[in-house]
Amino acid sequence: MAEGEDPPAEGIEAIRRLECEALSHAKLASSGGGFAWEWALGDDLAGVLWPIAYSAIGLLTSGSLGRVKGCAGCNWLFVDESKNRSRRWCSMEDCGTHAKIRRYVARRAAKRAKRNDS
């Protein structure tokens, strides 16, 4: 979706099945004046995927798919909630900072190379 392509039907079906499994193990609990799903993971390793599957289905059905982007610094996806849809990184603290440091170091190296050529 982040690359403008439709996901494969078998992928959509797999995430749907996983969400059904997730909800069959979920408990509706009071949370900050409302309610939210909670999962007790126990010994089932698939349980770590339940909140992810639930969130993925929420995103697919929210209408915000046009705002899903791939990070310019890593392989993570994020929802660009900026007003002008110009966000480039999953996290400014991580990928954004690293990208800015790389550009800064490259500019300094180019200036030094230019001075040494003169």
PDB file of N, CA and C in Angstrom:
ATOM      1  N   MET A   1       0.830  -1.189   0.000  1.00  0.00           N
ATOM      2  CA  MET A   1       0.000   0.000   0.000  1.00  0.00           C
ATOM      3  C   MET A   1       0.878   1.258   0.000  1.00  0.00           C
ATOM      4  N   ALA A   2       1.985   1.221   0.731  1.00  0.00           N
ATOM      5  CA  ALA A   2       2.868   2.382   0.804  1.00  0.00           C
ATOM      6  C   ALA A   2       3.520   2.666  -0.533  1.00  0.00           C
ATOM      7  N   GLU A   3       3.608   1.655  -1.392  1.00  0.00           N
ATOM      8  CA  GLU A   3       4.205   1.818  -2.710  1.00  0.00           C
ATOM      9  C   GLU A   3       3.159   1.977  -3.802  1.00  0.00           C
ATOM     10  N   GLY A   4       1.902   2.166  -3.412  1.00  0.00           N
ATOM     11  CA  GLY A   4       0.835   2.391  -4.369  1.00  0.00           C
ATOM     12  C   GLY A   4       0.281   1.135  -5.016  1.00  0.00           C
ATOM     13  N   GLU A   5       0.576  -0.015  -4.453  1.00  0.00           N
ATOM     14  CA  GLU A   5       0.082  -1.272  -5.011  1.00  0.00           C
ATOM     15  C   GLU A   5      -0.911  -1.920  -4.043  1.00  0.00           C
ATOM     16  N   ASP A   6      -1.839  -2.677  -4.594  1.00  0.00           N
ATOM     17  CA  ASP A   6      -2.770  -3.417  -3.749  1.00  0.00           C
ATOM     18  C   ASP A   6      -2.077  -4.641  -3.173  1.00  0.00           C
ATOM     19  N   PRO A   7      -2.359  -4.952  -1.918  1.00  0.00           N
ATOM     20  CA  PRO A   7      -1.746  -6.145  -1.331  1.00  0.00           C
ATOM     21  C   PRO A   7      -2.349  -7.400  -1.951  1.00  0.00           C
ATOM     22  N   PRO A   8      -1.598  -8.508  -1.937  1.00  0.00           N
ATOM     23  CA  PRO A   8      -2.137  -9.748  -2.494  1.00  0.00           C
ATOM     24  C   PRO A   8      -3.326 -10.246  -1.671  1.00  0.00           C
ATOM     25  N   ALA A   9      -4.295 -10.850  -2.346  1.00  0.00           N
ATOM     26  CA  ALA A   9      -5.509 -11.332  -1.680  1.00  0.00           C
ATOM     27  C   ALA A   9      -5.187 -12.327  -0.578  1.00  0.00           C
ATOM     28  N   GLU A  10      -4.179 -13.183  -0.793  1.00  0.00           N
ATOM     29  CA  GLU A  10      -3.851 -14.167   0.234  1.00  0.00           C
ATOM     30  C   GLU A  10      -3.276 -13.489   1.480  1.00  0.00           C
ATOM     31  N   GLY A  11      -2.609 -12.362   1.317  1.00  0.00           N
ATOM     32  CA  GLY A  11      -2.105 -11.602   2.461  1.00  0.00           C
ATOM     33  C   GLY A  11      -3.238 -10.991   3.262  1.00  0.00           C
ATOM     34  N   ILE A  12      -4.224 -10.447   2.562  1.00  0.00           N
ATOM     35  CA  ILE A  12      -5.394  -9.873   3.228  1.00  0.00           C
ATOM     36  C   ILE A  12      -6.146 -10.964   3.986  1.00  0.00           C
ATOM     37  N   GLU A  13      -6.306 -12.121   3.366  1.00  0.00           N
ATOM     38  CA  GLU A  13      -7.004 -13.232   4.030  1.00  0.00           C
ATOM     39  C   GLU A  13      -6.236 -13.704   5.258  1.00  0.00           C
ATOM     40  N   ALA A  14      -4.918 -13.764   5.172  1.00  0.00           N
ATOM     41  CA  ALA A  14      -4.105 -14.201   6.311  1.00  0.00           C
ATOM     42  C   ALA A  14      -4.245 -13.234   7.482  1.00  0.00           C
ATOM     43  N   ILE A  15      -4.228 -11.937   7.209  1.00  0.00           N
ATOM     44  CA  ILE A  15      -4.350 -10.957   8.303  1.00  0.00           C
ATOM     45  C   ILE A  15      -5.769 -10.976   8.870  1.00  0.00           C
ATOM     46  N   ARG A  16      -6.774 -11.248   8.030  1.00  0.00           N
ATOM     47  CA  ARG A  16      -8.150 -11.358   8.516  1.00  0.00           C
ATOM     48  C   ARG A  16      -8.286 -12.535   9.469  1.00  0.00           C
ATOM     49  N   ARG A  17      -7.716 -13.681   9.083  1.00  0.00           N
ATOM     50  CA  ARG A  17      -7.783 -14.870   9.945  1.00  0.00           C
ATOM     51  C   ARG A  17      -7.064 -14.633  11.266  1.00  0.00           C
ATOM     52  N   LEU A  18      -5.922 -13.952  11.199  1.00  0.00           N
ATOM     53  CA  LEU A  18      -5.168 -13.670  12.413  1.00  0.00           C
ATOM     54  C   LEU A  18      -5.923 -12.708  13.319  1.00  0.00           C
ATOM     55  N   GLU A  19      -6.633 -11.749  12.749  1.00  0.00           N
ATOM     56  CA  GLU A  19      -7.430 -10.846  13.582  1.00  0.00           C
ATOM     57  C   GLU A  19      -8.571 -11.598  14.241  1.00  0.00           C
ATOM     58  N   CYS A  20      -9.201 -12.518  13.518  1.00  0.00           N
ATOM     59  CA  CYS A  20     -10.270 -13.331  14.124  1.00  0.00           C
ATOM     60  C   CYS A  20      -9.727 -14.125  15.313  1.00  0.00           C
ATOM     61  N   GLU A  21      -8.556 -14.707  15.132  1.00  0.00           N
ATOM     62  CA  GLU A  21      -7.908 -15.442  16.222  1.00  0.00           C
ATOM     63  C   GLU A  21      -7.603 -14.491  17.382  1.00  0.00           C
ATOM     64  N   ALA A  22      -7.108 -13.306  17.045  1.00  0.00           N
ATOM     65  CA  ALA A  22      -6.764 -12.322  18.074  1.00  0.00           C
ATOM     66  C   ALA A  22      -7.985 -11.946  18.897  1.00  0.00           C
ATOM     67  N   LEU A  23      -9.097 -11.652  18.228  1.00  0.00           N
ATOM     68  CA  LEU A  23     -10.293 -11.240  18.955  1.00  0.00           C
ATOM     69  C   LEU A  23     -10.877 -12.375  19.788  1.00  0.00           C
ATOM     70  N   SER A  24     -10.657 -13.631  19.368  1.00  0.00           N
ATOM     71  CA  SER A  24     -11.155 -14.752  20.164  1.00  0.00           C
ATOM     72  C   SER A  24     -10.362 -14.907  21.463  1.00  0.00           C
ATOM     73  N   HIS A  25      -9.168 -14.311  21.527  1.00  0.00           N
ATOM     74  CA  HIS A  25      -8.350 -14.364  22.733  1.00  0.00           C
ATOM     75  C   HIS A  25      -8.339 -13.029  23.488  1.00  0.00           C
ATOM     76  N   ALA A  26      -9.029 -12.037  22.995  1.00  0.00           N
ATOM     77  CA  ALA A  26      -8.992 -10.693  23.580  1.00  0.00           C
ATOM     78  C   ALA A  26      -9.996 -10.547  24.715  1.00  0.00           C
ATOM     79  N   LYS A  27      -9.688  -9.585  25.557  1.00  0.00           N
ATOM     80  CA  LYS A  27     -10.580  -9.229  26.658  1.00  0.00           C
ATOM     81  C   LYS A  27     -10.830  -7.726  26.543  1.00  0.00           C
ATOM     82  N   LEU A  28     -12.072  -7.329  26.630  1.00  0.00           N
ATOM     83  CA  LEU A  28     -12.409  -5.910  26.594  1.00  0.00           C
ATOM     84  C   LEU A  28     -12.238  -5.356  28.005  1.00  0.00           C
ATOM     85  N   ALA A  29     -11.354  -4.358  28.143  1.00  0.00           N
ATOM     86  CA  ALA A  29     -11.027  -3.828  29.469  1.00  0.00           C
ATOM     87  C   ALA A  29     -11.163  -2.314  29.480  1.00  0.00           C
ATOM     88  N   SER A  30     -11.486  -1.786  30.633  1.00  0.00           N
ATOM     89  CA  SER A  30     -11.592  -0.345  30.827  1.00  0.00           C
ATOM     90  C   SER A  30     -10.231   0.295  30.614  1.00  0.00           C
ATOM     91  N   SER A  31     -10.241   1.425  29.874  1.00  0.00           N
ATOM     92  CA  SER A  31      -8.972   2.081  29.557  1.00  0.00           C
ATOM     93  C   SER A  31      -9.190   3.572  29.349  1.00  0.00           C
ATOM     94  N   GLY A  32      -8.734   4.381  30.288  1.00  0.00           N
ATOM     95  CA  GLY A  32      -8.767   5.840  30.142  1.00  0.00           C
ATOM     96  C   GLY A  32     -10.134   6.416  29.822  1.00  0.00           C
ATOM     97  N   GLY A  33     -11.158   6.045  30.523  1.00  0.00           N
ATOM     98  CA  GLY A  33     -12.497   6.572  30.289  1.00  0.00           C
ATOM     99  C   GLY A  33     -13.263   5.857  29.197  1.00  0.00           C
ATOM    100  N   GLY A  34     -12.675   4.869  28.587  1.00  0.00           N
ATOM    101  CA  GLY A  34     -13.327   4.076  27.550  1.00  0.00           C
ATOM    102  C   GLY A  34     -12.954   2.615  27.712  1.00  0.00           C
ATOM    103  N   PHE A  35     -12.953   1.905  26.611  1.00  0.00           N
ATOM    104  CA  PHE A  35     -12.594   0.496  26.627  1.00  0.00           C
ATOM    105  C   PHE A  35     -11.617   0.201  25.499  1.00  0.00           C
ATOM    106  N   ALA A  36     -10.797  -0.814  25.701  1.00  0.00           N
ATOM    107  CA  ALA A  36      -9.828  -1.232  24.692  1.00  0.00           C
ATOM    108  C   ALA A  36      -9.624  -2.736  24.811  1.00  0.00           C
ATOM    109  N   TRP A  37      -9.179  -3.340  23.710  1.00  0.00           N
ATOM    110  CA  TRP A  37      -8.868  -4.758  23.719  1.00  0.00           C
ATOM    111  C   TRP A  37      -7.547  -4.985  24.433  1.00  0.00           C
ATOM    112  N   GLU A  38      -7.490  -6.066  25.221  1.00  0.00           N
ATOM    113  CA  GLU A  38      -6.253  -6.497  25.871  1.00  0.00           C
ATOM    114  C   GLU A  38      -6.048  -7.972  25.595  1.00  0.00           C
ATOM    115  N   TRP A  39      -4.789  -8.362  25.481  1.00  0.00           N
ATOM    116  CA  TRP A  39      -4.456  -9.761  25.229  1.00  0.00           C
ATOM    117  C   TRP A  39      -3.517 -10.258  26.307  1.00  0.00           C
ATOM    118  N   ALA A  40      -3.855 -11.417  26.880  1.00  0.00           N
ATOM    119  CA  ALA A  40      -2.938 -12.105  27.783  1.00  0.00           C
ATOM    120  C   ALA A  40      -2.202 -13.123  26.922  1.00  0.00           C
ATOM    121  N   LEU A  41      -0.933 -12.903  26.703  1.00  0.00           N
ATOM    122  CA  LEU A  41      -0.184 -13.706  25.749  1.00  0.00           C
ATOM    123  C   LEU A  41       0.022 -15.147  26.207  1.00  0.00           C
ATOM    124  N   GLY A  42       0.286 -15.361  27.459  1.00  0.00           N
ATOM    125  CA  GLY A  42       0.496 -16.716  27.943  1.00  0.00           C
ATOM    126  C   GLY A  42       1.645 -17.410  27.220  1.00  0.00           C
ATOM    127  N   ASP A  43       1.435 -18.683  26.888  1.00  0.00           N
ATOM    128  CA  ASP A  43       2.479 -19.480  26.233  1.00  0.00           C
ATOM    129  C   ASP A  43       2.356 -19.495  24.714  1.00  0.00           C
ATOM    130  N   ASP A  44       1.341 -18.866  24.163  1.00  0.00           N
ATOM    131  CA  ASP A  44       1.110 -18.895  22.721  1.00  0.00           C
ATOM    132  C   ASP A  44       1.958 -17.829  22.033  1.00  0.00           C
ATOM    133  N   LEU A  45       2.987 -18.254  21.314  1.00  0.00           N
ATOM    134  CA  LEU A  45       3.871 -17.294  20.643  1.00  0.00           C
ATOM    135  C   LEU A  45       3.149 -16.477  19.579  1.00  0.00           C
ATOM    136  N   ALA A  46       2.089 -17.027  19.000  1.00  0.00           N
ATOM    137  CA  ALA A  46       1.317 -16.267  18.005  1.00  0.00           C
ATOM    138  C   ALA A  46       0.673 -15.042  18.643  1.00  0.00           C
ATOM    139  N   GLY A  47       0.564 -15.067  19.961  1.00  0.00           N
ATOM    140  CA  GLY A  47      -0.064 -13.955  20.673  1.00  0.00           C
ATOM    141  C   GLY A  47       0.628 -12.625  20.472  1.00  0.00           C
ATOM    142  N   VAL A  48       1.914 -12.621  20.178  1.00  0.00           N
ATOM    143  CA  VAL A  48       2.597 -11.342  19.954  1.00  0.00           C
ATOM    144  C   VAL A  48       2.078 -10.667  18.686  1.00  0.00           C
ATOM    145  N   LEU A  49       1.495 -11.441  17.779  1.00  0.00           N
ATOM    146  CA  LEU A  49       0.965 -10.884  16.535  1.00  0.00           C
ATOM    147  C   LEU A  49      -0.471 -10.370  16.666  1.00  0.00           C
ATOM    148  N   TRP A  50      -1.174 -10.769  17.704  1.00  0.00           N
ATOM    149  CA  TRP A  50      -2.586 -10.392  17.823  1.00  0.00           C
ATOM    150  C   TRP A  50      -2.813  -8.885  17.842  1.00  0.00           C
ATOM    151  N   PRO A  51      -2.125  -8.110  18.681  1.00  0.00           N
ATOM    152  CA  PRO A  51      -2.351  -6.652  18.641  1.00  0.00           C
ATOM    153  C   PRO A  51      -1.935  -6.038  17.306  1.00  0.00           C
ATOM    154  N   ILE A  52      -0.921  -6.614  16.673  1.00  0.00           N
ATOM    155  CA  ILE A  52      -0.464  -6.108  15.382  1.00  0.00           C
ATOM    156  C   ILE A  52      -1.523  -6.356  14.314  1.00  0.00           C
ATOM    157  N   ALA A  53      -2.072  -7.563  14.300  1.00  0.00           N
ATOM    158  CA  ALA A  53      -3.119  -7.895  13.325  1.00  0.00           C
ATOM    159  C   ALA A  53      -4.336  -7.006  13.537  1.00  0.00           C
ATOM    160  N   TYR A  54      -4.714  -6.810  14.785  1.00  0.00           N
ATOM    161  CA  TYR A  54      -5.872  -5.967  15.090  1.00  0.00           C
ATOM    162  C   TYR A  54      -5.636  -4.537  14.595  1.00  0.00           C
ATOM    163  N   SER A  55      -4.441  -4.003  14.850  1.00  0.00           N
ATOM    164  CA  SER A  55      -4.116  -2.643  14.396  1.00  0.00           C
ATOM    165  C   SER A  55      -4.051  -2.552  12.875  1.00  0.00           C
ATOM    166  N   ALA A  56      -3.508  -3.594  12.236  1.00  0.00           N
ATOM    167  CA  ALA A  56      -3.412  -3.593  10.772  1.00  0.00           C
ATOM    168  C   ALA A  56      -4.798  -3.562  10.137  1.00  0.00           C
ATOM    169  N   ILE A  57      -5.719  -4.363  10.660  1.00  0.00           N
ATOM    170  CA  ILE A  57      -7.092  -4.360  10.133  1.00  0.00           C
ATOM    171  C   ILE A  57      -7.737  -2.997  10.392  1.00  0.00           C
ATOM    172  N   GLY A  58      -7.472  -2.421  11.549  1.00  0.00           N
ATOM    173  CA  GLY A  58      -7.984  -1.080  11.842  1.00  0.00           C
ATOM    174  C   GLY A  58      -7.498  -0.059  10.836  1.00  0.00           C
ATOM    175  N   LEU A  59      -6.232  -0.150  10.481  1.00  0.00           N
ATOM    176  CA  LEU A  59      -5.664   0.765   9.485  1.00  0.00           C
ATOM    177  C   LEU A  59      -6.287   0.522   8.111  1.00  0.00           C
ATOM    178  N   LEU A  60      -6.420  -0.749   7.729  1.00  0.00           N
ATOM    179  CA  LEU A  60      -6.996  -1.081   6.415  1.00  0.00           C
ATOM    180  C   LEU A  60      -8.431  -0.591   6.275  1.00  0.00           C
ATOM    181  N   THR A  61      -9.158  -0.547   7.370  1.00  0.00           N
ATOM    182  CA  THR A  61     -10.565  -0.148   7.318  1.00  0.00           C
ATOM    183  C   THR A  61     -10.797   1.311   7.708  1.00  0.00           C
ATOM    184  N   SER A  62      -9.721   2.052   8.027  1.00  0.00           N
ATOM    185  CA  SER A  62      -9.878   3.423   8.509  1.00  0.00           C
ATOM    186  C   SER A  62      -9.997   4.459   7.405  1.00  0.00           C
ATOM    187  N   GLY A  63      -9.558   4.134   6.208  1.00  0.00           N
ATOM    188  CA  GLY A  63      -9.571   5.116   5.136  1.00  0.00           C
ATOM    189  C   GLY A  63      -8.307   5.952   5.076  1.00  0.00           C
ATOM    190  N   SER A  64      -7.305   5.643   5.899  1.00  0.00           N
ATOM    191  CA  SER A  64      -6.063   6.416   5.941  1.00  0.00           C
ATOM    192  C   SER A  64      -4.958   5.794   5.104  1.00  0.00           C
ATOM    193  N   LEU A  65      -5.289   4.900   4.205  1.00  0.00           N
ATOM    194  CA  LEU A  65      -4.268   4.168   3.460  1.00  0.00           C
ATOM    195  C   LEU A  65      -3.403   5.075   2.585  1.00  0.00           C
ATOM    196  N   GLY A  66      -3.944   6.186   2.137  1.00  0.00           N
ATOM    197  CA  GLY A  66      -3.172   7.122   1.333  1.00  0.00           C
ATOM    198  C   GLY A  66      -2.061   7.798   2.126  1.00  0.00           C
ATOM    199  N   ARG A  67      -2.117   7.691   3.434  1.00  0.00           N
ATOM    200  CA  ARG A  67      -1.107   8.299   4.297  1.00  0.00           C
ATOM    201  C   ARG A  67      -0.050   7.304   4.778  1.00  0.00           C
ATOM    202  N   VAL A  68      -0.164   6.042   4.364  1.00  0.00           N
ATOM    203  CA  VAL A  68       0.845   5.045   4.741  1.00  0.00           C
ATOM    204  C   VAL A  68       2.067   5.242   3.856  1.00  0.00           C
ATOM    205  N   LYS A  69       3.231   5.380   4.492  1.00  0.00           N
ATOM    206  CA  LYS A  69       4.479   5.616   3.758  1.00  0.00           C
ATOM    207  C   LYS A  69       5.566   4.704   4.291  1.00  0.00           C
ATOM    208  N   GLY A  70       6.576   4.515   3.468  1.00  0.00           N
ATOM    209  CA  GLY A  70       7.773   3.800   3.882  1.00  0.00           C
ATOM    210  C   GLY A  70       8.816   4.796   4.343  1.00  0.00           C
ATOM    211  N   CYS A  71       9.494   4.480   5.428  1.00  0.00           N
ATOM    212  CA  CYS A  71      10.528   5.351   5.979  1.00  0.00           C
ATOM    213  C   CYS A  71      11.697   5.470   4.997  1.00  0.00           C
ATOM    214  N   ALA A  72      12.234   6.672   4.855  1.00  0.00           N
ATOM    215  CA  ALA A  72      13.380   6.895   3.972  1.00  0.00           C
ATOM    216  C   ALA A  72      14.678   6.389   4.593  1.00  0.00           C
ATOM    217  N   GLY A  73      14.641   6.000   5.876  1.00  0.00           N
ATOM    218  CA  GLY A  73      15.858   5.562   6.536  1.00  0.00           C
ATOM    219  C   GLY A  73      15.905   4.085   6.876  1.00  0.00           C
ATOM    220  N   CYS A  74      14.753   3.425   6.928  1.00  0.00           N
ATOM    221  CA  CYS A  74      14.712   2.004   7.280  1.00  0.00           C
ATOM    222  C   CYS A  74      13.548   1.351   6.524  1.00  0.00           C
ATOM    223  N   ASN A  75      13.201   0.162   6.865  1.00  0.00           N
ATOM    224  CA  ASN A  75      12.125  -0.548   6.163  1.00  0.00           C
ATOM    225  C   ASN A  75      10.782  -0.468   6.876  1.00  0.00           C
ATOM    226  N   TRP A  76      10.651   0.355   7.887  1.00  0.00           N
ATOM    227  CA  TRP A  76       9.405   0.452   8.635  1.00  0.00           C
ATOM    228  C   TRP A  76       8.385   1.273   7.862  1.00  0.00           C
ATOM    229  N   LEU A  77       7.124   1.024   8.158  1.00  0.00           N
ATOM    230  CA  LEU A  77       6.024   1.808   7.606  1.00  0.00           C
ATOM    231  C   LEU A  77       5.469   2.697   8.702  1.00  0.00           C
ATOM    232  N   PHE A  78       4.866   3.800   8.303  1.00  0.00           N
ATOM    233  CA  PHE A  78       4.235   4.699   9.263  1.00  0.00           C
ATOM    234  C   PHE A  78       3.064   5.396   8.592  1.00  0.00           C
ATOM    235  N   VAL A  79       2.190   5.971   9.397  1.00  0.00           N
ATOM    236  CA  VAL A  79       1.067   6.763   8.894  1.00  0.00           C
ATOM    237  C   VAL A  79       1.468   8.229   9.014  1.00  0.00           C
ATOM    238  N   ASP A  80       1.541   8.915   7.873  1.00  0.00           N
ATOM    239  CA  ASP A  80       1.932  10.321   7.838  1.00  0.00           C
ATOM    240  C   ASP A  80       0.728  11.168   8.217  1.00  0.00           C
ATOM    241  N   GLU A  81       0.744  11.691   9.439  1.00  0.00           N
ATOM    242  CA  GLU A  81      -0.364  12.513   9.916  1.00  0.00           C
ATOM    243  C   GLU A  81      -0.035  14.001   9.872  1.00  0.00           C
ATOM    244  N   SER A  82       1.046  14.366   9.164  1.00  0.00           N
ATOM    245  CA  SER A  82       1.391  15.780   9.041  1.00  0.00           C
ATOM    246  C   SER A  82       0.378  16.469   8.121  1.00  0.00           C
ATOM    247  N   LYS A  83       0.197  17.773   8.318  1.00  0.00           N
ATOM    248  CA  LYS A  83      -0.795  18.517   7.538  1.00  0.00           C
ATOM    249  C   LYS A  83      -0.528  18.444   6.040  1.00  0.00           C
ATOM    250  N   ASN A  84       0.736  18.600   5.644  1.00  0.00           N
ATOM    251  CA  ASN A  84       1.047  18.632   4.214  1.00  0.00           C
ATOM    252  C   ASN A  84       1.583  17.295   3.692  1.00  0.00           C
ATOM    253  N   ARG A  85       1.450  16.255   4.498  1.00  0.00           N
ATOM    254  CA  ARG A  85       1.853  14.890   4.108  1.00  0.00           C
ATOM    255  C   ARG A  85       3.318  14.821   3.659  1.00  0.00           C
ATOM    256  N   SER A  86       4.187  15.511   4.385  1.00  0.00           N
ATOM    257  CA  SER A  86       5.584  15.581   3.972  1.00  0.00           C
ATOM    258  C   SER A  86       6.534  14.789   4.871  1.00  0.00           C
ATOM    259  N   ARG A  87       6.000  14.065   5.824  1.00  0.00           N
ATOM    260  CA  ARG A  87       6.859  13.293   6.732  1.00  0.00           C
ATOM    261  C   ARG A  87       7.650  12.263   5.936  1.00  0.00           C
ATOM    262  N   ARG A  88       8.937  12.087   6.290  1.00  0.00           N
ATOM    263  CA  ARG A  88       9.808  11.181   5.534  1.00  0.00           C
ATOM    264  C   ARG A  88      10.322  10.009   6.353  1.00  0.00           C
ATOM    265  N   TRP A  89      10.278  10.122   7.687  1.00  0.00           N
ATOM    266  CA  TRP A  89      10.879   9.099   8.523  1.00  0.00           C
ATOM    267  C   TRP A  89       9.864   8.533   9.509  1.00  0.00           C
ATOM    268  N   CYS A  90      10.112   7.293   9.916  1.00  0.00           N
ATOM    269  CA  CYS A  90       9.247   6.675  10.917  1.00  0.00           C
ATOM    270  C   CYS A  90       9.388   7.409  12.246  1.00  0.00           C
ATOM    271  N   SER A  91      10.585   7.881  12.524  1.00  0.00           N
ATOM    272  CA  SER A  91      10.858   8.590  13.772  1.00  0.00           C
ATOM    273  C   SER A  91      11.963   9.610  13.526  1.00  0.00           C
ATOM    274  N   MET A  92      11.715  10.832  13.871  1.00  0.00           N
ATOM    275  CA  MET A  92      12.739  11.863  13.715  1.00  0.00           C
ATOM    276  C   MET A  92      13.913  11.577  14.630  1.00  0.00           C
ATOM    277  N   GLU A  93      13.630  11.041  15.828  1.00  0.00           N
ATOM    278  CA  GLU A  93      14.689  10.770  16.799  1.00  0.00           C
ATOM    279  C   GLU A  93      15.653   9.698  16.305  1.00  0.00           C
ATOM    280  N   ASP A  94      15.191   8.781  15.500  1.00  0.00           N
ATOM    281  CA  ASP A  94      16.049   7.701  15.017  1.00  0.00           C
ATOM    282  C   ASP A  94      16.465   7.951  13.572  1.00  0.00           C
ATOM    283  N   CYS A  95      15.616   7.598  12.652  1.00  0.00           N
ATOM    284  CA  CYS A  95      15.969   7.664  11.227  1.00  0.00           C
ATOM    285  C   CYS A  95      16.203   9.085  10.741  1.00  0.00           C
ATOM    286  N   GLY A  96      15.397  10.023  11.179  1.00  0.00           N
ATOM    287  CA  GLY A  96      15.567  11.413  10.745  1.00  0.00           C
ATOM    288  C   GLY A  96      16.891  11.986  11.185  1.00  0.00           C
ATOM    289  N   THR A  97      17.261  11.771  12.431  1.00  0.00           N
ATOM    290  CA  THR A  97      18.527  12.263  12.952  1.00  0.00           C
ATOM    291  C   THR A  97      19.699  11.614  12.232  1.00  0.00           C
ATOM    292  N   HIS A  98      19.613  10.290  12.025  1.00  0.00           N
ATOM    293  CA  HIS A  98      20.700   9.592  11.328  1.00  0.00           C
ATOM    294  C   HIS A  98      20.862  10.118   9.900  1.00  0.00           C
ATOM    295  N   ALA A  99      19.762  10.367   9.216  1.00  0.00           N
ATOM    296  CA  ALA A  99      19.837  10.879   7.845  1.00  0.00           C
ATOM    297  C   ALA A  99      20.462  12.273   7.825  1.00  0.00           C
ATOM    298  N   LYS A 100      20.083  13.106   8.772  1.00  0.00           N
ATOM    299  CA  LYS A 100      20.641  14.460   8.821  1.00  0.00           C
ATOM    300  C   LYS A 100      22.134  14.433   9.154  1.00  0.00           C
ATOM    301  N   ILE A 101      22.534  13.524  10.034  1.00  0.00           N
ATOM    302  CA  ILE A 101      23.964  13.396  10.360  1.00  0.00           C
ATOM    303  C   ILE A 101      24.745  12.944   9.129  1.00  0.00           C
ATOM    304  N   ARG A 102      24.211  11.965   8.385  1.00  0.00           N
ATOM    305  CA  ARG A 102      24.897  11.486   7.174  1.00  0.00           C
ATOM    306  C   ARG A 102      25.063  12.614   6.153  1.00  0.00           C
ATOM    307  N   ARG A 103      24.021  13.419   5.960  1.00  0.00           N
ATOM    308  CA  ARG A 103      24.120  14.540   5.015  1.00  0.00           C
ATOM    309  C   ARG A 103      25.144  15.571   5.473  1.00  0.00           C
ATOM    310  N   TYR A 104      25.155  15.854   6.769  1.00  0.00           N
ATOM    311  CA  TYR A 104      26.103  16.822   7.330  1.00  0.00           C
ATOM    312  C   TYR A 104      27.541  16.343   7.133  1.00  0.00           C
ATOM    313  N   VAL A 105      27.800  15.084   7.454  1.00  0.00           N
ATOM    314  CA  VAL A 105      29.140  14.521   7.301  1.00  0.00           C
ATOM    315  C   VAL A 105      29.555  14.528   5.833  1.00  0.00           C
ATOM    316  N   ALA A 106      28.632  14.205   4.931  1.00  0.00           N
ATOM    317  CA  ALA A 106      28.939  14.205   3.497  1.00  0.00           C
ATOM    318  C   ALA A 106      29.268  15.618   3.014  1.00  0.00           C
ATOM    319  N   ARG A 107      28.537  16.626   3.481  1.00  0.00           N
ATOM    320  CA  ARG A 107      28.819  18.020   3.091  1.00  0.00           C
ATOM    321  C   ARG A 107      30.196  18.447   3.586  1.00  0.00           C
ATOM    322  N   ARG A 108      30.518  18.108   4.828  1.00  0.00           N
ATOM    323  CA  ARG A 108      31.846  18.467   5.376  1.00  0.00           C
ATOM    324  C   ARG A 108      32.957  17.778   4.605  1.00  0.00           C
ATOM    325  N   ALA A 109      32.763  16.501   4.269  1.00  0.00           N
ATOM    326  CA  ALA A 109      33.776  15.766   3.505  1.00  0.00           C
ATOM    327  C   ALA A 109      33.944  16.379   2.128  1.00  0.00           C
ATOM    328  N   ALA A 110      32.851  16.799   1.497  1.00  0.00           N
ATOM    329  CA  ALA A 110      32.929  17.420   0.171  1.00  0.00           C
ATOM    330  C   ALA A 110      33.682  18.754   0.246  1.00  0.00           C
ATOM    331  N   LYS A 111      33.429  19.538   1.298  1.00  0.00           N
ATOM    332  CA  LYS A 111      34.144  20.812   1.472  1.00  0.00           C
ATOM    333  C   LYS A 111      35.632  20.574   1.676  1.00  0.00           C
ATOM    334  N   ARG A 112      35.980  19.578   2.494  1.00  0.00           N
ATOM    335  CA  ARG A 112      37.389  19.269   2.726  1.00  0.00           C
ATOM    336  C   ARG A 112      38.070  18.806   1.443  1.00  0.00           C
ATOM    337  N   ALA A 113      37.366  17.973   0.677  1.00  0.00           N
ATOM    338  CA  ALA A 113      37.927  17.480  -0.593  1.00  0.00           C
ATOM    339  C   ALA A 113      38.151  18.644  -1.554  1.00  0.00           C
ATOM    340  N   LYS A 114      37.209  19.571  -1.563  1.00  0.00           N
ATOM    341  CA  LYS A 114      37.314  20.728  -2.452  1.00  0.00           C
ATOM    342  C   LYS A 114      38.517  21.597  -2.035  1.00  0.00           C
ATOM    343  N   ARG A 115      38.723  21.796  -0.742  1.00  0.00           N
ATOM    344  CA  ARG A 115      39.868  22.574  -0.246  1.00  0.00           C
ATOM    345  C   ARG A 115      41.182  21.896  -0.592  1.00  0.00           C
ATOM    346  N   ASN A 116      41.214  20.569  -0.474  1.00  0.00           N
ATOM    347  CA  ASN A 116      42.451  19.824  -0.755  1.00  0.00           C
ATOM    348  C   ASN A 116      42.782  19.825  -2.249  1.00  0.00           C
ATOM    349  N   ASP A 117      41.762  19.923  -3.088  1.00  0.00           N
ATOM    350  CA  ASP A 117      41.989  19.970  -4.545  1.00  0.00           C
ATOM    351  C   ASP A 117      42.549  21.323  -4.976  1.00  0.00           C
ATOM    352  N   SER A 118      42.299  22.342  -4.185  1.00  0.00           N
ATOM    353  CA  SER A 118      42.714  23.703  -4.566  1.00  0.00           C
ATOM    354  C   SER A 118      44.163  23.954  -4.332  1.00  0.00           C
TER     355      SER A 118
END
